[in-house]
Each structure stands twice: as C-alpha cells, then as structure tokens.
Amino acid sequence: MAVETLYRSTRDLETTFVDRKLADAHDQMLELAELLTDVLMKNVAGLTEKHAEDASIFMAKNRAVFAAAFKNNALALNELTPTEQEAE
C-alpha cells in the first residue's frame, strides 16, 4: 500500500494538492481574493457580493498581469482578453 501526502487550504477544503507550494499559492490567492472582495464591496456601490467575489477571484488568479498593468504597462491586460480564435 502506498502512502500519499495531500495538502489543502483552510479556505478551500474541497481542493487537494500533492505539492505544498501549490497549496500555499492557492491559499494566498484565496486570501487576496477575500481582501479584494471586502474592498470592492465597501467602495463600489450596487455591486453584489457574488459579482465582487467573482471579480476578486479573477483578479487574484491573474495577479501578475494586473501588477504589470499597474506598473505602467497597461497593455499587459491584453493577455486577459481572449483572441477571436479562443472565443469561438
């Protein structure tokens, strides 16, 4: 019988990882998303909690692209726009 070590985030008990670094990265992404959700809910009038969560998770998953865009490279956001071929 083989023994396998699994890791999971305390914020996402359903997802398991065999690599601790991946589990830590997932946990950090979820932590950032939670903080972004709070900020969006407090500062964007009329935004539903579901939309704030969805936007926050999207931004947290694409943190590097947004960081590049905020550092004077707005064209980095083009990476997040699907091409016509991908849209089909």
Protein backbone atom coordinates (compact mmCIF):
# COMPACT_ATOMS: atom_id res chain seq x y z
CA MET A 1 0.00 0.00 0.00
CA ALA A 2 1.30 3.42 -0.95
CA VAL A 3 1.04 6.45 1.29
CA GLU A 4 0.40 9.81 -0.26
CA THR A 5 0.57 13.17 1.49
CA LEU A 6 -2.10 15.64 0.45
CA TYR A 7 -2.31 19.35 1.21
CA ARG A 8 -5.31 21.64 1.19
CA SER A 9 -6.11 25.21 2.01
CA THR A 10 -8.18 26.04 5.07
CA ARG A 11 -10.11 28.41 2.81
CA ASP A 12 -10.94 25.69 0.24
CA LEU A 13 -11.42 22.30 1.86
CA GLU A 14 -12.54 20.60 -1.36
CA THR A 15 -9.35 21.13 -3.36
CA THR A 16 -6.32 19.00 -2.50
CA PHE A 17 -2.73 19.25 -3.72
CA VAL A 18 0.17 16.82 -3.70
CA ASP A 19 2.64 19.73 -3.62
CA ARG A 20 2.77 22.04 -0.60
CA LYS A 21 3.93 25.00 -2.70
CA LEU A 22 0.85 24.73 -4.89
CA ALA A 23 -1.40 24.52 -1.83
CA ASP A 24 0.28 27.59 -0.33
CA ALA A 25 -0.07 29.51 -3.59
CA HIS A 26 -3.76 28.58 -3.79
CA ASP A 27 -4.28 29.70 -0.19
CA GLN A 28 -2.54 33.03 -0.85
CA MET A 29 -4.66 33.57 -3.95
CA LEU A 30 -7.84 32.93 -1.94
CA GLU A 31 -6.67 35.26 0.84
CA LEU A 32 -6.04 38.03 -1.69
CA ALA A 33 -9.46 37.39 -3.25
CA GLU A 34 -11.14 37.72 0.17
CA LEU A 35 -9.44 41.06 0.80
CA LEU A 36 -10.29 42.31 -2.69
CA THR A 37 -13.93 41.30 -2.18
CA ASP A 38 -14.09 43.34 1.01
CA VAL A 39 -12.56 46.38 -0.68
CA LEU A 40 -14.87 46.14 -3.69
CA MET A 41 -17.98 45.70 -1.54
CA LYS A 42 -17.09 48.78 0.52
CA ASN A 43 -16.17 51.00 -2.42
CA VAL A 44 -18.35 50.07 -5.39
CA ALA A 45 -21.98 50.99 -4.87
CA GLY A 46 -24.54 48.49 -6.15
CA LEU A 47 -22.06 45.64 -6.57
CA THR A 48 -23.48 42.31 -5.49
CA GLU A 49 -21.44 40.04 -3.26
CA LYS A 50 -21.40 37.34 -5.97
CA HIS A 51 -20.05 39.76 -8.58
CA ALA A 52 -17.46 41.11 -6.13
CA GLU A 53 -16.32 37.55 -5.32
CA ASP A 54 -16.13 36.57 -9.00
CA ALA A 55 -14.16 39.71 -9.91
CA SER A 56 -11.87 39.28 -6.91
CA ILE A 57 -11.05 35.67 -7.72
CA PHE A 58 -10.38 36.62 -11.34
CA MET A 59 -8.05 39.44 -10.28
CA ALA A 60 -6.27 37.27 -7.70
CA LYS A 61 -5.73 34.45 -10.21
CA ASN A 62 -4.28 36.97 -12.66
CA ARG A 63 -2.34 38.92 -10.06
CA ALA A 64 0.87 39.12 -12.11
CA VAL A 65 -0.91 40.59 -15.13
CA PHE A 66 -2.69 43.21 -13.01
CA ALA A 67 0.57 44.04 -11.20
CA ALA A 68 2.28 44.65 -14.54
CA ALA A 69 -0.63 46.82 -15.69
CA PHE A 70 -0.49 48.89 -12.51
CA LYS A 71 3.25 49.38 -13.02
CA ASN A 72 2.73 51.45 -16.17
CA ASN A 73 2.22 48.56 -18.58
CA ALA A 74 -1.49 48.74 -19.33
CA LEU A 75 -1.01 46.61 -22.44
CA ALA A 76 -0.33 43.64 -20.15
CA LEU A 77 -4.10 43.41 -19.74
CA ASN A 78 -4.28 42.21 -23.36
CA GLU A 79 -3.17 38.82 -22.03
CA LEU A 80 -6.57 38.51 -20.34
CA THR A 81 -8.56 39.22 -23.49
CA PRO A 82 -9.38 36.07 -25.43
CA THR A 83 -8.41 36.12 -29.10
CA GLU A 84 -11.09 35.63 -31.74
CA GLN A 85 -9.97 32.02 -32.21
CA GLU A 86 -10.26 31.27 -28.48
CA ALA A 87 -13.72 32.88 -28.33
CA GLU A 88 -15.04 30.51 -31.00
